[in-house]
Amino acid sequence: MNLVNEDLKLKILKGDPILLKKTNGFFIHRTIGEIIDYEYTEFLKIVQLFLTSNKEIQENMPIPGMSVFFYFLLVLNNNSELSSMIENGFNFFIGAEKLIPDMENKKIIYSYKDVDNIELNEEGFNEIIEYIKIIYNGSFIEEEQDLSEAERRMKEKFDRKRREREAAKKYDNSDKVNFSDMLGGFTVRNYSFDWYKVMKLPYYTFFFLLKKLRKYDDYEVQLRVRLAGADVKEELHHWLSGDDDED
């Protein structure tokens, strides 16, 4: 399980592949352009698929010890639409090619670029899932007693972000803000980024900057209200403050 601290957050914002400690493979942080090329709706489907919980699997397959990883192993042994989707997901998230399910040893063997025979067991799979939650779903899990005060606040930020995204999915069509709207609005509003640069931004980094831009706009509005003489009791925090930058 990964502790999301400032060092890891900065690495995620940079967008470079992240070394997976359990497999010696890499987790790939895709750019906006790569996600569009992959097809955004398909991207959402594989995120949802890989974030299926063990409980959900067990409700549909009441087999003792059944987990998402073991279910994926079973499916990968069959040539089906779901097995292709799982293979595509592994390729998207970790660049895996030539997947070979090893049921006897409960692991998946795959290739990454010029490296063959990389082994992925359930522990390594769970590490991948944690990065999916952090980068593509805006949430993570950590034991409260292991968190410092600053890390606890960061966890709360990610949790709020996750809840916000879940709530956004429930909007009706008249209220819905599409991904294309976010990209267009960010590009028009931010003069330092043209469309080409936006396409090169890592996915998490784009949403981080979008939040910062919104916070800057909110700060400007609140500052003008105060300068105009309005009686506002709420304390004004500078827009660079990180205390609520994930709101």
C-alpha atoms as a PDB file:
ATOM      1  CA  MET A   1       0.000   0.000   0.000  1.00  0.00           C
ATOM      2  CA  ASN A   2       1.425   3.379  -0.998  1.00  0.00           C
ATOM      3  CA  LEU A   3       1.694   6.301   1.385  1.00  0.00           C
ATOM      4  CA  VAL A   4       0.774   9.402  -0.583  1.00  0.00           C
ATOM      5  CA  ASN A   5       3.172  12.040   0.697  1.00  0.00           C
ATOM      6  CA  GLU A   6       4.547  15.182  -0.917  1.00  0.00           C
ATOM      7  CA  ASP A   7       7.400  13.298  -2.614  1.00  0.00           C
ATOM      8  CA  LEU A   8       5.052  10.835  -4.304  1.00  0.00           C
ATOM      9  CA  LYS A   9       2.619  13.601  -5.217  1.00  0.00           C
ATOM     10  CA  LEU A  10       5.404  15.533  -6.965  1.00  0.00           C
ATOM     11  CA  LYS A  11       6.460  12.413  -8.875  1.00  0.00           C
ATOM     12  CA  ILE A  12       2.865  11.874  -9.971  1.00  0.00           C
ATOM     13  CA  LEU A  13       2.586  15.507 -11.088  1.00  0.00           C
ATOM     14  CA  LYS A  14       5.774  15.119 -13.136  1.00  0.00           C
ATOM     15  CA  GLY A  15       4.149  12.235 -14.966  1.00  0.00           C
ATOM     16  CA  ASP A  16       7.102   9.861 -15.332  1.00  0.00           C
ATOM     17  CA  PRO A  17       6.515   6.091 -15.058  1.00  0.00           C
ATOM     18  CA  ILE A  18       6.494   4.989 -11.406  1.00  0.00           C
ATOM     19  CA  LEU A  19       8.535   1.985 -10.334  1.00  0.00           C
ATOM     20  CA  LEU A  20       6.349  -0.752  -8.865  1.00  0.00           C
ATOM     21  CA  LYS A  21       8.137  -2.170  -5.843  1.00  0.00           C
ATOM     22  CA  LYS A  22       6.270  -5.479  -5.872  1.00  0.00           C
ATOM     23  CA  THR A  23       6.966  -6.418  -9.500  1.00  0.00           C
ATOM     24  CA  ASN A  24       9.920  -4.327 -10.719  1.00  0.00           C
ATOM     25  CA  GLY A  25       7.633  -3.118 -13.470  1.00  0.00           C
ATOM     26  CA  PHE A  26       6.329   0.407 -14.013  1.00  0.00           C
ATOM     27  CA  PHE A  27       3.003   2.146 -13.609  1.00  0.00           C
ATOM     28  CA  ILE A  28       2.431   4.454 -16.559  1.00  0.00           C
ATOM     29  CA  HIS A  29       0.846   7.849 -15.994  1.00  0.00           C
ATOM     30  CA  ARG A  30      -0.915   8.527 -19.289  1.00  0.00           C
ATOM     31  CA  THR A  31      -1.268  11.967 -20.809  1.00  0.00           C
ATOM     32  CA  ILE A  32      -4.518  13.611 -21.844  1.00  0.00           C
ATOM     33  CA  GLY A  33      -3.636  12.968 -25.489  1.00  0.00           C
ATOM     34  CA  GLU A  34      -2.964   9.269 -24.860  1.00  0.00           C
ATOM     35  CA  ILE A  35      -6.304   8.875 -23.092  1.00  0.00           C
ATOM     36  CA  ILE A  36      -8.111  10.557 -25.979  1.00  0.00           C
ATOM     37  CA  ASP A  37      -6.312   8.282 -28.466  1.00  0.00           C
ATOM     38  CA  TYR A  38      -7.286   5.276 -26.349  1.00  0.00           C
ATOM     39  CA  GLU A  39     -10.881   6.645 -26.311  1.00  0.00           C
ATOM     40  CA  TYR A  40     -12.074   8.342 -23.163  1.00  0.00           C
ATOM     41  CA  THR A  41     -15.166   6.163 -22.653  1.00  0.00           C
ATOM     42  CA  GLU A  42     -13.039   3.001 -22.957  1.00  0.00           C
ATOM     43  CA  PHE A  43     -10.598   4.489 -20.451  1.00  0.00           C
ATOM     44  CA  LEU A  44     -13.442   4.979 -17.964  1.00  0.00           C
ATOM     45  CA  LYS A  45     -14.544   1.376 -18.502  1.00  0.00           C
ATOM     46  CA  ILE A  46     -11.137  -0.116 -17.687  1.00  0.00           C
ATOM     47  CA  VAL A  47     -10.746   2.093 -14.620  1.00  0.00           C
ATOM     48  CA  GLN A  48     -14.131   0.882 -13.406  1.00  0.00           C
ATOM     49  CA  LEU A  49     -13.248  -2.738 -14.222  1.00  0.00           C
ATOM     50  CA  PHE A  50      -9.923  -2.691 -12.382  1.00  0.00           C
ATOM     51  CA  LEU A  51     -11.494  -0.969  -9.372  1.00  0.00           C
ATOM     52  CA  THR A  52     -14.028  -3.757  -8.944  1.00  0.00           C
ATOM     53  CA  SER A  53     -13.884  -4.836  -5.304  1.00  0.00           C
ATOM     54  CA  ASN A  54     -13.320  -8.343  -3.998  1.00  0.00           C
ATOM     55  CA  LYS A  55     -16.740  -8.089  -2.346  1.00  0.00           C
ATOM     56  CA  GLU A  56     -18.421  -7.455  -5.700  1.00  0.00           C
ATOM     57  CA  ILE A  57     -16.675 -10.474  -7.216  1.00  0.00           C
ATOM     58  CA  GLN A  58     -17.617 -12.698  -4.279  1.00  0.00           C
ATOM     59  CA  GLU A  59     -21.272 -11.660  -4.519  1.00  0.00           C
ATOM     60  CA  ASN A  60     -21.382 -12.936  -8.101  1.00  0.00           C
ATOM     61  CA  MET A  61     -19.018 -15.885  -7.662  1.00  0.00           C
ATOM     62  CA  PRO A  62     -19.407 -17.320  -4.135  1.00  0.00           C
ATOM     63  CA  ILE A  63     -16.107 -19.224  -4.224  1.00  0.00           C
ATOM     64  CA  PRO A  64     -13.958 -19.235  -1.048  1.00  0.00           C
ATOM     65  CA  GLY A  65     -10.955 -16.956  -1.418  1.00  0.00           C
ATOM     66  CA  MET A  66     -12.148 -15.454  -4.698  1.00  0.00           C
ATOM     67  CA  SER A  67     -10.582 -12.075  -5.416  1.00  0.00           C
ATOM     68  CA  VAL A  68     -10.436  -9.680  -8.351  1.00  0.00           C
ATOM     69  CA  PHE A  69      -6.917 -10.843  -9.201  1.00  0.00           C
ATOM     70  CA  PHE A  70      -7.861 -14.521  -9.217  1.00  0.00           C
ATOM     71  CA  TYR A  71     -10.971 -13.720 -11.248  1.00  0.00           C
ATOM     72  CA  PHE A  72      -8.802 -11.921 -13.807  1.00  0.00           C
ATOM     73  CA  LEU A  73      -6.566 -14.999 -13.951  1.00  0.00           C
ATOM     74  CA  LEU A  74      -9.581 -17.186 -14.725  1.00  0.00           C
ATOM     75  CA  VAL A  75     -10.882 -14.846 -17.406  1.00  0.00           C
ATOM     76  CA  LEU A  76      -7.476 -14.466 -19.080  1.00  0.00           C
ATOM     77  CA  ASN A  77      -7.498 -18.209 -19.750  1.00  0.00           C
ATOM     78  CA  ASN A  78     -10.448 -17.700 -22.095  1.00  0.00           C
ATOM     79  CA  ASN A  79     -10.637 -15.836 -25.358  1.00  0.00           C
ATOM     80  CA  SER A  80     -13.495 -13.425 -24.731  1.00  0.00           C
ATOM     81  CA  GLU A  81     -14.420  -9.767 -24.921  1.00  0.00           C
ATOM     82  CA  LEU A  82     -13.775  -9.425 -21.181  1.00  0.00           C
ATOM     83  CA  SER A  83     -10.351 -11.064 -21.406  1.00  0.00           C
ATOM     84  CA  SER A  84      -9.417  -8.622 -24.190  1.00  0.00           C
ATOM     85  CA  MET A  85     -10.590  -5.749 -22.010  1.00  0.00           C
ATOM     86  CA  ILE A  86      -8.445  -6.983 -19.109  1.00  0.00           C
ATOM     87  CA  GLU A  87      -5.421  -7.348 -21.391  1.00  0.00           C
ATOM     88  CA  ASN A  88      -5.969  -3.844 -22.722  1.00  0.00           C
ATOM     89  CA  GLY A  89      -6.218  -2.572 -19.162  1.00  0.00           C
ATOM     90  CA  PHE A  90      -2.896  -4.109 -18.146  1.00  0.00           C
ATOM     91  CA  ASN A  91      -1.324  -2.666 -21.284  1.00  0.00           C
ATOM     92  CA  PHE A  92      -2.749   0.777 -20.535  1.00  0.00           C
ATOM     93  CA  PHE A  93      -1.756   0.863 -16.861  1.00  0.00           C
ATOM     94  CA  ILE A  94       1.614  -0.917 -16.879  1.00  0.00           C
ATOM     95  CA  GLY A  95       2.493  -1.360 -20.562  1.00  0.00           C
ATOM     96  CA  ALA A  96       2.117  -5.139 -20.250  1.00  0.00           C
ATOM     97  CA  GLU A  97       2.322  -7.258 -23.402  1.00  0.00           C
ATOM     98  CA  LYS A  98       2.198 -11.001 -24.049  1.00  0.00           C
ATOM     99  CA  LEU A  99       0.233 -11.754 -20.876  1.00  0.00           C
ATOM    100  CA  ILE A 100       0.412 -15.379 -19.751  1.00  0.00           C
ATOM    101  CA  PRO A 101      -1.864 -16.414 -16.855  1.00  0.00           C
ATOM    102  CA  ASP A 102      -0.209 -18.955 -14.565  1.00  0.00           C
ATOM    103  CA  MET A 103      -3.059 -20.535 -12.609  1.00  0.00           C
ATOM    104  CA  GLU A 104      -0.859 -23.036 -10.788  1.00  0.00           C
ATOM    105  CA  ASN A 105       1.391 -20.365  -9.262  1.00  0.00           C
ATOM    106  CA  LYS A 106      -1.328 -17.703  -9.131  1.00  0.00           C
ATOM    107  CA  LYS A 107       0.509 -15.070 -11.118  1.00  0.00           C
ATOM    108  CA  ILE A 108       0.569 -13.330 -14.464  1.00  0.00           C
ATOM    109  CA  ILE A 109       3.708 -13.287 -16.565  1.00  0.00           C
ATOM    110  CA  TYR A 110       4.134 -10.404 -18.985  1.00  0.00           C
ATOM    111  CA  SER A 111       6.624  -8.448 -21.079  1.00  0.00           C
ATOM    112  CA  TYR A 112       7.372  -4.735 -20.916  1.00  0.00           C
ATOM    113  CA  LYS A 113       9.347  -3.272 -23.827  1.00  0.00           C
ATOM    114  CA  ASP A 114      12.539  -5.365 -24.018  1.00  0.00           C
ATOM    115  CA  VAL A 115      12.047  -7.065 -20.652  1.00  0.00           C
ATOM    116  CA  ASP A 116      10.371 -10.491 -20.649  1.00  0.00           C
ATOM    117  CA  ASN A 117       9.041 -12.782 -17.932  1.00  0.00           C
ATOM    118  CA  ILE A 118       7.992 -10.118 -15.440  1.00  0.00           C
ATOM    119  CA  GLU A 119       5.926 -11.795 -12.733  1.00  0.00           C
ATOM    120  CA  LEU A 120       2.824 -10.202 -11.244  1.00  0.00           C
ATOM    121  CA  ASN A 121       1.209 -11.783  -8.203  1.00  0.00           C
ATOM    122  CA  GLU A 122      -1.792 -10.593  -6.201  1.00  0.00           C
ATOM    123  CA  GLU A 123       0.311  -8.338  -3.988  1.00  0.00           C
ATOM    124  CA  GLY A 124       1.748  -6.632  -7.060  1.00  0.00           C
ATOM    125  CA  PHE A 125      -1.708  -6.354  -8.588  1.00  0.00           C
ATOM    126  CA  ASN A 126      -2.997  -4.597  -5.474  1.00  0.00           C
ATOM    127  CA  GLU A 127      -0.146  -2.094  -5.753  1.00  0.00           C
ATOM    128  CA  ILE A 128      -1.291  -1.305  -9.299  1.00  0.00           C
ATOM    129  CA  ILE A 129      -4.842  -0.809  -8.036  1.00  0.00           C
ATOM    130  CA  GLU A 130      -3.645   1.702  -5.444  1.00  0.00           C
ATOM    131  CA  TYR A 131      -1.992   3.789  -8.172  1.00  0.00           C
ATOM    132  CA  ILE A 132      -5.134   3.627 -10.285  1.00  0.00           C
ATOM    133  CA  LYS A 133      -7.064   5.009  -7.309  1.00  0.00           C
ATOM    134  CA  ILE A 134      -4.557   7.801  -6.765  1.00  0.00           C
ATOM    135  CA  ILE A 135      -3.980   8.891 -10.360  1.00  0.00           C
ATOM    136  CA  TYR A 136      -7.166   8.016 -12.218  1.00  0.00           C
ATOM    137  CA  ASN A 137      -9.820   7.913  -9.515  1.00  0.00           C
ATOM    138  CA  GLY A 138      -8.650  10.568  -7.070  1.00  0.00           C
ATOM    139  CA  SER A 139      -8.632   8.437  -3.929  1.00  0.00           C
ATOM    140  CA  PHE A 140      -6.373   6.293  -1.813  1.00  0.00           C
ATOM    141  CA  ILE A 141      -6.516   4.168   1.323  1.00  0.00           C
ATOM    142  CA  GLU A 142      -4.144   4.400   4.254  1.00  0.00           C
ATOM    143  CA  GLU A 143      -4.318   3.382   7.882  1.00  0.00           C
ATOM    144  CA  GLU A 144      -5.170   6.434   9.947  1.00  0.00           C
ATOM    145  CA  GLN A 145      -2.710   5.659  12.726  1.00  0.00           C
ATOM    146  CA  ASP A 146       0.171   5.717  10.235  1.00  0.00           C
ATOM    147  CA  LEU A 147      -0.635   9.233   8.998  1.00  0.00           C
ATOM    148  CA  SER A 148       0.879  12.492  10.153  1.00  0.00           C
ATOM    149  CA  GLU A 149      -1.407  15.509  10.432  1.00  0.00           C
ATOM    150  CA  ALA A 150      -0.290  16.786   7.005  1.00  0.00           C
ATOM    151  CA  GLU A 151      -0.807  13.352   5.441  1.00  0.00           C
ATOM    152  CA  ARG A 152      -4.238  13.050   7.065  1.00  0.00           C
ATOM    153  CA  ARG A 153      -5.256  16.360   5.480  1.00  0.00           C
ATOM    154  CA  MET A 154      -3.985  15.138   2.124  1.00  0.00           C
ATOM    155  CA  LYS A 155      -6.057  11.970   2.481  1.00  0.00           C
ATOM    156  CA  GLU A 156      -9.133  14.079   3.186  1.00  0.00           C
ATOM    157  CA  LYS A 157      -8.456  16.088   0.041  1.00  0.00           C
ATOM    158  CA  PHE A 158      -8.319  12.987  -2.125  1.00  0.00           C
ATOM    159  CA  ASP A 159     -11.461  11.610  -0.474  1.00  0.00           C
ATOM    160  CA  ARG A 160     -13.343  14.831  -1.192  1.00  0.00           C
ATOM    161  CA  LYS A 161     -12.132  14.718  -4.779  1.00  0.00           C
ATOM    162  CA  ARG A 162     -13.382  11.142  -5.135  1.00  0.00           C
ATOM    163  CA  ARG A 163     -16.791  12.014  -3.703  1.00  0.00           C
ATOM    164  CA  GLU A 164     -17.021  15.030  -5.987  1.00  0.00           C
ATOM    165  CA  ARG A 165     -16.374  12.885  -9.052  1.00  0.00           C
ATOM    166  CA  GLU A 166     -18.878  10.278  -7.926  1.00  0.00           C
ATOM    167  CA  ALA A 167     -21.485  12.987  -7.415  1.00  0.00           C
ATOM    168  CA  ALA A 168     -20.692  14.445 -10.834  1.00  0.00           C
ATOM    169  CA  LYS A 169     -21.630  11.137 -12.440  1.00  0.00           C
ATOM    170  CA  LYS A 170     -25.184  11.532 -11.074  1.00  0.00           C
ATOM    171  CA  TYR A 171     -25.836  14.849 -12.793  1.00  0.00           C
ATOM    172  CA  ASP A 172     -28.482  14.904 -15.489  1.00  0.00           C
ATOM    173  CA  ASN A 173     -27.513  15.859 -19.025  1.00  0.00           C
ATOM    174  CA  SER A 174     -28.422  19.521 -18.546  1.00  0.00           C
ATOM    175  CA  ASP A 175     -25.940  19.889 -15.652  1.00  0.00           C
ATOM    176  CA  LYS A 176     -23.230  17.553 -16.866  1.00  0.00           C
ATOM    177  CA  VAL A 177     -19.785  18.949 -17.636  1.00  0.00           C
ATOM    178  CA  ASN A 178     -18.074  16.694 -20.154  1.00  0.00           C
ATOM    179  CA  PHE A 179     -14.360  15.985 -20.300  1.00  0.00           C
ATOM    180  CA  SER A 180     -14.234  17.957 -23.565  1.00  0.00           C
ATOM    181  CA  ASP A 181     -15.775  20.952 -21.739  1.00  0.00           C
ATOM    182  CA  MET A 182     -13.053  20.775 -19.100  1.00  0.00           C
ATOM    183  CA  LEU A 183     -10.312  20.634 -21.738  1.00  0.00           C
ATOM    184  CA  GLY A 184     -11.793  23.488 -23.726  1.00  0.00           C
ATOM    185  CA  GLY A 185     -12.434  25.665 -20.692  1.00  0.00           C
ATOM    186  CA  PHE A 186      -8.948  25.094 -19.308  1.00  0.00           C
ATOM    187  CA  THR A 187      -7.311  25.957 -22.644  1.00  0.00           C
ATOM    188  CA  VAL A 188      -9.388  29.110 -23.205  1.00  0.00           C
ATOM    189  CA  ARG A 189      -8.922  30.336 -19.630  1.00  0.00           C
ATOM    190  CA  ASN A 190      -5.221  29.524 -19.286  1.00  0.00           C
ATOM    191  CA  TYR A 191      -3.225  31.647 -21.710  1.00  0.00           C
ATOM    192  CA  SER A 192       0.050  29.838 -20.993  1.00  0.00           C
ATOM    193  CA  PHE A 193      -1.264  26.534 -22.379  1.00  0.00           C
ATOM    194  CA  ASP A 194      -2.176  25.957 -25.988  1.00  0.00           C
ATOM    195  CA  TRP A 195      -4.095  22.844 -27.063  1.00  0.00           C
ATOM    196  CA  TYR A 196      -0.905  20.944 -27.924  1.00  0.00           C
ATOM    197  CA  LYS A 197       0.536  21.515 -24.440  1.00  0.00           C
ATOM    198  CA  VAL A 198      -2.695  20.415 -22.793  1.00  0.00           C
ATOM    199  CA  MET A 199      -2.571  17.138 -24.741  1.00  0.00           C
ATOM    200  CA  LYS A 200       0.900  16.518 -23.267  1.00  0.00           C
ATOM    201  CA  LEU A 201      -0.217  16.986 -19.666  1.00  0.00           C
ATOM    202  CA  PRO A 202      -0.431  13.867 -17.478  1.00  0.00           C
ATOM    203  CA  TYR A 203      -4.018  13.088 -16.495  1.00  0.00           C
ATOM    204  CA  TYR A 204      -3.655  13.762 -12.768  1.00  0.00           C
ATOM    205  CA  THR A 205      -1.602  16.903 -13.443  1.00  0.00           C
ATOM    206  CA  PHE A 206      -4.354  18.329 -15.655  1.00  0.00           C
ATOM    207  CA  PHE A 207      -6.951  18.005 -12.885  1.00  0.00           C
ATOM    208  CA  PHE A 208      -4.493  19.401 -10.338  1.00  0.00           C
ATOM    209  CA  LEU A 209      -3.943  22.507 -12.489  1.00  0.00           C
ATOM    210  CA  LEU A 210      -7.658  22.811 -13.213  1.00  0.00           C
ATOM    211  CA  LYS A 211      -8.357  22.887  -9.474  1.00  0.00           C
ATOM    212  CA  LYS A 212      -5.636  25.487  -8.946  1.00  0.00           C
ATOM    213  CA  LEU A 213      -7.046  27.652 -11.727  1.00  0.00           C
ATOM    214  CA  ARG A 214     -10.503  27.502 -10.173  1.00  0.00           C
ATOM    215  CA  LYS A 215      -9.061  28.361  -6.785  1.00  0.00           C
ATOM    216  CA  TYR A 216      -7.225  31.348  -8.261  1.00  0.00           C
ATOM    217  CA  ASP A 217     -10.444  32.622  -9.857  1.00  0.00           C
ATOM    218  CA  ASP A 218     -12.354  32.169  -6.588  1.00  0.00           C
ATOM    219  CA  TYR A 219      -9.620  34.044  -4.706  1.00  0.00           C
ATOM    220  CA  GLU A 220      -9.761  36.967  -7.157  1.00  0.00           C
ATOM    221  CA  VAL A 221     -13.537  37.227  -6.811  1.00  0.00           C
ATOM    222  CA  GLN A 222     -13.433  37.081  -3.001  1.00  0.00           C
ATOM    223  CA  LEU A 223     -10.649  39.655  -2.880  1.00  0.00           C
ATOM    224  CA  ARG A 224     -12.623  42.100  -5.049  1.00  0.00           C
ATOM    225  CA  VAL A 225     -15.698  41.608  -2.878  1.00  0.00           C
ATOM    226  CA  ARG A 226     -13.708  42.597   0.209  1.00  0.00           C
ATOM    227  CA  LEU A 227     -12.074  45.567  -1.523  1.00  0.00           C
ATOM    228  CA  ALA A 228     -15.548  46.748  -2.486  1.00  0.00           C
ATOM    229  CA  GLY A 229     -16.399  46.966   1.208  1.00  0.00           C
ATOM    230  CA  ALA A 230     -18.531  43.864   1.649  1.00  0.00           C
ATOM    231  CA  ASP A 231     -18.693  42.443   5.162  1.00  0.00           C
ATOM    232  CA  VAL A 232     -17.396  38.887   4.729  1.00  0.00           C
ATOM    233  CA  LYS A 233     -16.741  36.895   7.890  1.00  0.00           C
ATOM    234  CA  GLU A 234     -15.077  33.927   6.224  1.00  0.00           C
ATOM    235  CA  GLU A 235     -11.288  34.077   6.341  1.00  0.00           C
ATOM    236  CA  LEU A 236      -9.608  34.560   2.970  1.00  0.00           C
ATOM    237  CA  HIS A 237      -6.750  32.161   2.220  1.00  0.00           C
ATOM    238  CA  HIS A 238      -4.230  32.824  -0.521  1.00  0.00           C
ATOM    239  CA  TRP A 239      -4.888  30.799  -3.652  1.00  0.00           C
ATOM    240  CA  LEU A 240      -1.482  29.109  -3.401  1.00  0.00           C
ATOM    241  CA  SER A 241      -2.427  27.644  -0.036  1.00  0.00           C
ATOM    242  CA  GLY A 242      -2.568  23.875  -0.185  1.00  0.00           C
ATOM    243  CA  ASP A 243      -4.987  23.340   2.700  1.00  0.00           C
ATOM    244  CA  ASP A 244      -7.985  22.872   0.428  1.00  0.00           C
ATOM    245  CA  ASP A 245      -6.503  22.653  -3.046  1.00  0.00           C
ATOM    246  CA  GLU A 246      -8.335  19.394  -3.701  1.00  0.00           C
ATOM    247  CA  ASP A 247     -11.796  20.769  -2.930  1.00  0.00           C
END
